[in-house]
Amino acid sequence: MLPSAAVNRRQFLTSLAVGAVMPALALPKFASAGVAPNYPVHFTDAEWHARLTPAQYAVLRQKSTEYPGTSPLLKEHRKGTFACAADGNPLFDAHTKFESGTGWPSFWRPLPGAIGTTTDHELGYARTEVHCARCGGHLGHVFEDGPPPTGLRYCMNGVAMKFVAA
């Protein structure tokens, strides 16, 4: 009974935190998403606008966050690969996806060399931002409350990814 109570407590605390910060997170950030021209894939801002939907652009290029529970990828459980929506870079094998109860697709390990990380302080404390290693697009954040074997939770914006079935 204790594990169930712990999950319910985590879900409750997560929903409180999400409710408190979502209005600020849902707005596009008007800062660069760490998109330096040294990424293998790069385009002008106008080209990114043309290639991406408005929601994808807001998340991938402006570090916005989609509302929790809105991604169709939450219900994706087939074999395959989750790839960057901006450049098709394979990011996560579907077997590493798990139900975190947070409202965002979550994974316990990325594919080798698929992602990069930086530290952001946008909420007033340090978090580890996850971005695509090929285009620099913002994907989400990684936290240390995931399942074995890594203990990590890569909490990703579904709009920043596409699913490629095996």
Protein backbone atom coordinates (compact mmCIF):
# COMPACT_ATOMS: atom_id res chain seq x y z
CA MET A 1 0.00 0.00 0.00
CA LEU A 2 2.92 2.36 0.61
CA PRO A 3 4.09 2.41 -3.05
CA SER A 4 0.57 3.36 -4.18
CA ALA A 5 0.43 6.16 -1.60
CA ALA A 6 3.83 7.42 -2.76
CA VAL A 7 2.70 7.51 -6.39
CA ASN A 8 -0.51 9.32 -5.45
CA ARG A 9 1.45 11.82 -3.37
CA ARG A 10 3.86 12.43 -6.25
CA GLN A 11 0.98 12.87 -8.70
CA PHE A 12 -0.73 15.27 -6.29
CA LEU A 13 2.42 17.34 -5.74
CA THR A 14 3.18 17.32 -9.46
CA SER A 15 -0.29 18.58 -10.32
CA LEU A 16 0.02 21.35 -7.70
CA ALA A 17 3.37 22.43 -9.10
CA VAL A 18 2.14 22.24 -12.69
CA GLY A 19 -0.93 24.28 -11.85
CA ALA A 20 1.22 26.94 -10.23
CA VAL A 21 3.69 27.34 -13.07
CA MET A 22 1.78 26.45 -16.24
CA PRO A 23 0.56 29.97 -17.04
CA ALA A 24 4.17 31.15 -17.19
CA LEU A 25 5.47 28.05 -18.96
CA ALA A 26 2.84 28.07 -21.67
CA LEU A 27 3.95 31.46 -22.91
CA PRO A 28 6.75 31.47 -25.48
CA LYS A 29 10.13 32.50 -24.16
CA PHE A 30 11.68 35.23 -26.23
CA ALA A 31 15.20 33.95 -25.80
CA SER A 32 17.27 31.71 -27.98
CA ALA A 33 16.83 27.99 -27.43
CA GLY A 34 20.59 27.55 -27.38
CA VAL A 35 20.58 27.36 -31.15
CA ALA A 36 24.11 28.20 -32.11
CA PRO A 37 25.16 27.84 -35.73
CA ASN A 38 27.57 25.07 -34.74
CA TYR A 39 24.78 22.47 -34.59
CA PRO A 40 24.89 20.13 -37.59
CA VAL A 41 21.34 21.15 -38.55
CA HIS A 42 20.56 24.87 -38.56
CA PHE A 43 18.23 27.19 -40.38
CA THR A 44 17.35 30.86 -40.25
CA ASP A 45 14.49 31.88 -38.00
CA ALA A 46 12.27 32.33 -41.06
CA GLU A 47 13.13 28.83 -42.27
CA TRP A 48 12.30 27.34 -38.82
CA HIS A 49 8.95 29.16 -38.92
CA ALA A 50 8.23 27.64 -42.33
CA ARG A 51 9.27 24.10 -41.29
CA LEU A 52 7.47 23.91 -37.93
CA THR A 53 3.91 24.37 -36.72
CA PRO A 54 3.39 27.34 -34.38
CA ALA A 55 3.29 24.99 -31.36
CA GLN A 56 6.47 23.19 -32.46
CA TYR A 57 8.23 26.50 -33.05
CA ALA A 58 7.23 27.81 -29.60
CA VAL A 59 8.63 24.72 -27.85
CA LEU A 60 11.61 23.80 -30.01
CA ARG A 61 12.91 27.28 -30.81
CA GLN A 62 11.57 29.44 -27.93
CA LYS A 63 11.67 26.96 -25.01
CA SER A 64 7.94 27.06 -24.37
CA THR A 65 6.13 24.12 -22.73
CA GLU A 66 3.02 22.36 -23.92
CA TYR A 67 0.13 21.94 -21.49
CA PRO A 68 0.31 18.64 -19.58
CA GLY A 69 -1.90 15.83 -20.83
CA THR A 70 -2.30 17.29 -24.32
CA SER A 71 0.24 15.24 -26.28
CA PRO A 72 -1.04 12.32 -28.37
CA LEU A 73 2.37 10.74 -27.72
CA LEU A 74 1.30 10.06 -24.11
CA LYS A 75 -0.77 7.15 -25.43
CA GLU A 76 1.85 5.90 -27.89
CA HIS A 77 2.95 2.41 -26.82
CA ARG A 78 4.04 0.74 -30.07
CA LYS A 79 7.57 -0.38 -30.86
CA GLY A 80 9.55 2.34 -32.56
CA THR A 81 11.51 5.51 -32.03
CA PHE A 82 10.66 8.99 -30.82
CA ALA A 83 12.49 11.53 -33.00
CA CYS A 84 12.98 15.30 -33.00
CA ALA A 85 10.08 16.97 -34.81
CA ALA A 86 12.44 19.63 -36.18
CA ASP A 87 15.07 17.46 -37.86
CA GLY A 88 14.09 13.78 -37.48
CA ASN A 89 17.02 12.99 -35.16
CA PRO A 90 16.18 9.71 -33.31
CA LEU A 91 15.98 10.56 -29.60
CA PHE A 92 14.42 7.73 -27.57
CA ASP A 93 13.69 4.05 -28.19
CA ALA A 94 10.05 3.34 -27.34
CA HIS A 95 11.03 0.61 -24.86
CA THR A 96 12.46 3.34 -22.57
CA LYS A 97 9.12 5.18 -22.34
CA PHE A 98 7.21 4.92 -19.06
CA GLU A 99 4.08 6.36 -17.48
CA SER A 100 5.32 9.05 -15.10
CA GLY A 101 1.91 10.49 -14.23
CA THR A 102 3.20 14.00 -15.00
CA GLY A 103 1.25 14.64 -18.21
CA TRP A 104 4.30 14.62 -20.50
CA PRO A 105 5.91 11.71 -22.37
CA SER A 106 8.70 10.40 -20.14
CA PHE A 107 11.69 8.19 -20.84
CA TRP A 108 14.43 6.69 -18.68
CA ARG A 109 17.26 6.85 -21.25
CA PRO A 110 17.94 8.64 -24.56
CA LEU A 111 19.65 7.04 -27.53
CA PRO A 112 23.45 7.46 -27.51
CA GLY A 113 24.52 10.90 -28.73
CA ALA A 114 20.91 11.99 -29.39
CA ILE A 115 20.60 14.79 -26.87
CA GLY A 116 22.57 17.52 -25.18
CA THR A 117 21.91 19.20 -21.85
CA THR A 118 22.36 22.66 -20.40
CA THR A 119 21.40 24.24 -17.10
CA ASP A 120 18.52 26.70 -17.06
CA HIS A 121 17.35 28.94 -14.23
CA GLU A 122 14.05 30.12 -15.75
CA LEU A 123 12.02 29.15 -12.66
CA GLY A 124 14.53 30.61 -10.22
CA TYR A 125 16.40 27.37 -9.58
CA ALA A 126 18.69 25.12 -11.59
CA ARG A 127 17.11 22.55 -13.91
CA THR A 128 18.72 20.40 -16.58
CA GLU A 129 17.33 21.31 -19.98
CA VAL A 130 17.37 18.67 -22.71
CA HIS A 131 17.88 19.66 -26.34
CA CYS A 132 18.35 17.86 -29.64
CA ALA A 133 22.04 17.24 -30.32
CA ARG A 134 21.59 17.92 -34.07
CA CYS A 135 19.52 21.12 -34.16
CA GLY A 136 19.60 22.42 -30.58
CA GLY A 137 15.80 22.37 -30.32
CA HIS A 138 14.39 22.44 -26.79
CA LEU A 139 12.80 19.11 -25.87
CA GLY A 140 12.13 19.33 -22.13
CA HIS A 141 14.02 18.62 -18.90
CA VAL A 142 15.58 15.66 -17.11
CA PHE A 143 14.93 14.91 -13.43
CA GLU A 144 16.39 12.41 -10.97
CA ASP A 145 13.09 10.76 -9.97
CA GLY A 146 12.76 8.16 -12.72
CA PRO A 147 12.63 4.38 -12.63
CA PRO A 148 15.51 1.90 -12.70
CA PRO A 149 17.88 1.27 -14.27
CA THR A 150 18.89 4.95 -14.66
CA GLY A 151 16.75 6.68 -12.03
CA LEU A 152 16.23 9.47 -14.56
CA ARG A 153 13.02 10.93 -15.98
CA TYR A 154 13.43 12.64 -19.33
CA CYS A 155 10.23 14.70 -19.29
CA MET A 156 9.70 15.70 -22.93
CA ASN A 157 7.28 17.94 -24.75
CA GLY A 158 5.35 15.66 -27.11
CA VAL A 159 4.98 18.45 -29.67
CA ALA A 160 8.79 18.53 -29.96
CA MET A 161 8.85 14.90 -31.11
CA LYS A 162 7.33 12.62 -33.70
CA PHE A 163 6.89 8.86 -33.44
CA VAL A 164 8.35 6.53 -36.04
CA ALA A 165 6.86 3.03 -35.76
CA ALA A 166 9.21 0.05 -36.09
